[in-house]
Amino acid sequence: MQNNNVTDRTCSIYQGRGWTNGQECSAMEVCRNCNPGEACFVPDSYLVYNVASYGRVKGEDAMMQEIFANGPIAVSIAVT
């Protein structure tokens, strides 16, 4: 996400495709928006998301300092 923007989940819905499941990529799989009672359309522009920076922060105090300095952080936990 730091090197390439990603679109909103509702814009680019992921569908697993591969040589073993018989599904091929389709030109119809483009970003589109739909309004109730109206035809769907391809928007002129759409929301994308990215991250400005990333890194490791370890420990409660370090996490609080990072939040204070730069705002929200994302956290993952690896468990067995």
N, C-alpha and C. Protein backbone atom coordinates (compact mmCIF):
# COMPACT_ATOMS: atom_id res chain seq x y z
N MET A 1 0.82 -1.20 0.00
CA MET A 1 0.00 0.00 0.00
C MET A 1 0.85 1.25 0.00
N GLN A 2 2.11 1.15 0.41
CA GLN A 2 2.94 2.35 0.37
C GLN A 2 3.35 2.66 -1.07
N ASN A 3 3.59 1.65 -1.88
CA ASN A 3 4.05 1.85 -3.25
C ASN A 3 2.91 1.95 -4.26
N ASN A 4 1.78 1.32 -3.98
CA ASN A 4 0.65 1.32 -4.91
C ASN A 4 -0.64 1.57 -4.15
N ASN A 5 -1.46 2.46 -4.64
CA ASN A 5 -2.75 2.71 -4.02
C ASN A 5 -3.65 1.49 -4.21
N VAL A 6 -4.57 1.30 -3.29
CA VAL A 6 -5.58 0.26 -3.44
C VAL A 6 -6.95 0.92 -3.40
N THR A 7 -7.89 0.32 -4.11
CA THR A 7 -9.23 0.87 -4.15
C THR A 7 -10.07 0.35 -3.01
N ASP A 8 -11.20 0.95 -2.82
CA ASP A 8 -12.16 0.52 -1.83
C ASP A 8 -12.66 -0.87 -2.18
N ARG A 9 -12.97 -1.65 -1.19
CA ARG A 9 -13.46 -3.02 -1.39
C ARG A 9 -14.70 -3.07 -2.28
N THR A 10 -15.56 -2.08 -2.18
CA THR A 10 -16.78 -2.08 -2.98
C THR A 10 -16.50 -1.75 -4.43
N CYS A 11 -15.32 -1.19 -4.72
CA CYS A 11 -14.98 -0.81 -6.08
C CYS A 11 -14.30 -1.96 -6.82
N SER A 12 -13.40 -2.65 -6.17
CA SER A 12 -12.64 -3.73 -6.81
C SER A 12 -12.85 -5.00 -6.01
N ILE A 13 -13.97 -5.61 -6.21
CA ILE A 13 -14.30 -6.82 -5.47
C ILE A 13 -13.39 -7.96 -5.92
N TYR A 14 -12.67 -8.58 -4.99
CA TYR A 14 -11.73 -9.65 -5.33
C TYR A 14 -12.49 -10.93 -5.64
N GLN A 15 -12.11 -11.55 -6.75
CA GLN A 15 -12.61 -12.88 -7.08
C GLN A 15 -11.40 -13.72 -7.44
N GLY A 16 -11.19 -14.80 -6.69
CA GLY A 16 -10.06 -15.66 -6.98
C GLY A 16 -10.21 -16.30 -8.35
N ARG A 17 -9.22 -16.15 -9.17
CA ARG A 17 -9.24 -16.71 -10.52
C ARG A 17 -7.90 -17.38 -10.77
N GLY A 18 -7.93 -18.45 -11.50
CA GLY A 18 -6.69 -19.14 -11.80
C GLY A 18 -6.87 -20.20 -12.87
N TRP A 19 -5.79 -20.80 -13.24
CA TRP A 19 -5.84 -21.78 -14.32
C TRP A 19 -6.55 -23.06 -13.91
N THR A 20 -6.75 -23.29 -12.61
CA THR A 20 -7.38 -24.53 -12.18
C THR A 20 -8.88 -24.43 -11.97
N ASN A 21 -9.43 -23.22 -11.87
CA ASN A 21 -10.87 -23.13 -11.58
C ASN A 21 -11.70 -22.76 -12.80
N GLY A 22 -11.07 -22.58 -13.94
CA GLY A 22 -11.81 -22.34 -15.17
C GLY A 22 -12.32 -20.93 -15.35
N GLN A 23 -12.09 -20.04 -14.39
CA GLN A 23 -12.56 -18.68 -14.52
C GLN A 23 -11.46 -17.82 -15.12
N GLU A 24 -11.82 -17.00 -16.07
CA GLU A 24 -10.85 -16.11 -16.69
C GLU A 24 -11.12 -14.67 -16.29
N CYS A 25 -10.12 -13.82 -16.42
CA CYS A 25 -10.31 -12.40 -16.14
C CYS A 25 -11.32 -11.84 -17.13
N SER A 26 -12.09 -10.88 -16.69
CA SER A 26 -13.14 -10.33 -17.52
C SER A 26 -12.99 -8.82 -17.64
N ALA A 27 -13.22 -8.30 -18.83
CA ALA A 27 -13.19 -6.85 -19.04
C ALA A 27 -14.32 -6.18 -18.26
N MET A 28 -15.31 -6.93 -17.84
CA MET A 28 -16.43 -6.37 -17.08
C MET A 28 -16.06 -6.11 -15.63
N GLU A 29 -14.94 -6.67 -15.17
CA GLU A 29 -14.51 -6.47 -13.79
C GLU A 29 -13.77 -5.15 -13.66
N VAL A 30 -14.50 -4.07 -13.72
CA VAL A 30 -13.94 -2.73 -13.57
C VAL A 30 -14.64 -2.05 -12.41
N CYS A 31 -14.03 -1.01 -11.92
CA CYS A 31 -14.65 -0.25 -10.85
C CYS A 31 -15.96 0.33 -11.36
N ARG A 32 -17.03 0.09 -10.64
CA ARG A 32 -18.32 0.67 -11.02
C ARG A 32 -19.11 0.95 -9.77
N ASN A 33 -20.07 1.81 -9.91
CA ASN A 33 -20.90 2.22 -8.80
C ASN A 33 -22.35 2.06 -9.22
N CYS A 34 -23.20 1.77 -8.29
CA CYS A 34 -24.61 1.58 -8.59
C CYS A 34 -25.44 2.35 -7.58
N ASN A 35 -26.49 2.97 -8.05
CA ASN A 35 -27.44 3.65 -7.19
C ASN A 35 -28.78 2.92 -7.28
N PRO A 36 -29.53 2.85 -6.21
CA PRO A 36 -30.83 2.16 -6.24
C PRO A 36 -31.73 2.72 -7.34
N GLY A 37 -32.27 1.82 -8.15
CA GLY A 37 -33.20 2.21 -9.19
C GLY A 37 -32.56 2.81 -10.42
N GLU A 38 -31.23 2.81 -10.49
CA GLU A 38 -30.52 3.37 -11.64
C GLU A 38 -29.53 2.34 -12.19
N ALA A 39 -29.09 2.56 -13.41
CA ALA A 39 -28.10 1.68 -14.01
C ALA A 39 -26.73 1.90 -13.35
N CYS A 40 -25.92 0.86 -13.31
CA CYS A 40 -24.55 0.99 -12.78
C CYS A 40 -23.71 1.78 -13.77
N PHE A 41 -22.65 2.42 -13.26
CA PHE A 41 -21.80 3.23 -14.12
C PHE A 41 -20.36 3.17 -13.63
N VAL A 42 -19.44 3.43 -14.53
CA VAL A 42 -18.02 3.51 -14.19
C VAL A 42 -17.73 4.95 -13.77
N PRO A 43 -17.30 5.19 -12.54
CA PRO A 43 -17.08 6.57 -12.09
C PRO A 43 -15.86 7.19 -12.77
N ASP A 44 -15.87 8.50 -12.89
CA ASP A 44 -14.73 9.22 -13.46
C ASP A 44 -13.50 9.08 -12.57
N SER A 45 -13.71 9.07 -11.27
CA SER A 45 -12.63 8.85 -10.31
C SER A 45 -13.21 8.12 -9.11
N TYR A 46 -12.37 7.48 -8.35
CA TYR A 46 -12.85 6.74 -7.19
C TYR A 46 -11.82 6.81 -6.09
N LEU A 47 -12.25 6.49 -4.90
CA LEU A 47 -11.39 6.58 -3.73
C LEU A 47 -10.29 5.53 -3.77
N VAL A 48 -9.09 5.95 -3.42
CA VAL A 48 -7.99 5.02 -3.25
C VAL A 48 -7.37 5.29 -1.88
N TYR A 49 -6.70 4.28 -1.37
CA TYR A 49 -6.10 4.37 -0.04
C TYR A 49 -4.63 4.00 -0.14
N ASN A 50 -3.83 4.55 0.76
CA ASN A 50 -2.43 4.21 0.83
C ASN A 50 -1.92 4.47 2.24
N VAL A 51 -0.67 4.18 2.46
CA VAL A 51 -0.04 4.49 3.73
C VAL A 51 1.16 5.40 3.46
N ALA A 52 1.39 6.34 4.35
CA ALA A 52 2.50 7.26 4.18
C ALA A 52 3.81 6.61 4.63
N SER A 53 3.74 5.77 5.64
CA SER A 53 4.94 5.11 6.15
C SER A 53 4.53 3.88 6.94
N TYR A 54 5.49 3.02 7.18
CA TYR A 54 5.21 1.86 8.01
C TYR A 54 6.50 1.42 8.69
N GLY A 55 6.36 0.66 9.74
CA GLY A 55 7.52 0.15 10.46
C GLY A 55 7.05 -0.64 11.67
N ARG A 56 7.99 -1.08 12.45
CA ARG A 56 7.66 -1.88 13.63
C ARG A 56 7.74 -1.01 14.88
N VAL A 57 6.78 -1.22 15.75
CA VAL A 57 6.76 -0.55 17.05
C VAL A 57 6.49 -1.65 18.06
N LYS A 58 7.30 -1.72 19.09
CA LYS A 58 7.15 -2.81 20.07
C LYS A 58 6.95 -2.23 21.46
N GLY A 59 5.93 -2.70 22.13
CA GLY A 59 5.69 -2.29 23.50
C GLY A 59 4.62 -1.22 23.61
N GLU A 60 3.92 -1.26 24.73
CA GLU A 60 2.80 -0.34 24.96
C GLU A 60 3.23 1.12 24.94
N ASP A 61 4.33 1.45 25.61
CA ASP A 61 4.78 2.84 25.64
C ASP A 61 5.16 3.33 24.24
N ALA A 62 5.85 2.51 23.48
CA ALA A 62 6.25 2.89 22.11
C ALA A 62 5.02 3.08 21.24
N MET A 63 4.01 2.23 21.42
CA MET A 63 2.77 2.38 20.64
C MET A 63 2.06 3.68 21.00
N MET A 64 2.00 4.00 22.28
CA MET A 64 1.34 5.25 22.68
C MET A 64 2.09 6.46 22.13
N GLN A 65 3.42 6.42 22.14
CA GLN A 65 4.22 7.52 21.58
C GLN A 65 3.98 7.67 20.08
N GLU A 66 3.90 6.55 19.38
CA GLU A 66 3.65 6.58 17.93
C GLU A 66 2.28 7.17 17.62
N ILE A 67 1.29 6.78 18.39
CA ILE A 67 -0.06 7.32 18.20
C ILE A 67 -0.08 8.82 18.48
N PHE A 68 0.59 9.23 19.53
CA PHE A 68 0.64 10.65 19.88
C PHE A 68 1.34 11.46 18.78
N ALA A 69 2.42 10.91 18.23
CA ALA A 69 3.21 11.63 17.23
C ALA A 69 2.58 11.61 15.85
N ASN A 70 1.99 10.47 15.44
CA ASN A 70 1.56 10.31 14.04
C ASN A 70 0.12 9.88 13.84
N GLY A 71 -0.63 9.67 14.90
CA GLY A 71 -2.02 9.26 14.73
C GLY A 71 -2.19 7.76 14.80
N PRO A 72 -3.31 7.26 14.32
CA PRO A 72 -3.67 5.84 14.46
C PRO A 72 -2.61 4.89 13.90
N ILE A 73 -2.53 3.72 14.51
CA ILE A 73 -1.65 2.67 14.03
C ILE A 73 -2.48 1.42 13.76
N ALA A 74 -1.96 0.56 12.90
CA ALA A 74 -2.58 -0.75 12.65
C ALA A 74 -1.73 -1.80 13.35
N VAL A 75 -2.39 -2.78 13.92
CA VAL A 75 -1.69 -3.80 14.70
C VAL A 75 -2.10 -5.18 14.20
N SER A 76 -1.11 -6.08 14.15
CA SER A 76 -1.42 -7.48 13.85
C SER A 76 -0.80 -8.34 14.92
N ILE A 77 -1.39 -9.49 15.16
CA ILE A 77 -0.91 -10.41 16.18
C ILE A 77 -0.78 -11.78 15.53
N ALA A 78 0.39 -12.39 15.63
CA ALA A 78 0.61 -13.74 15.12
C ALA A 78 0.49 -14.72 16.26
N VAL A 79 -0.40 -15.69 16.12
CA VAL A 79 -0.57 -16.70 17.15
C VAL A 79 -0.61 -18.08 16.52
N THR A 80 -0.31 -19.09 17.32
CA THR A 80 -0.37 -20.46 16.80
C THR A 80 -1.60 -21.15 17.31
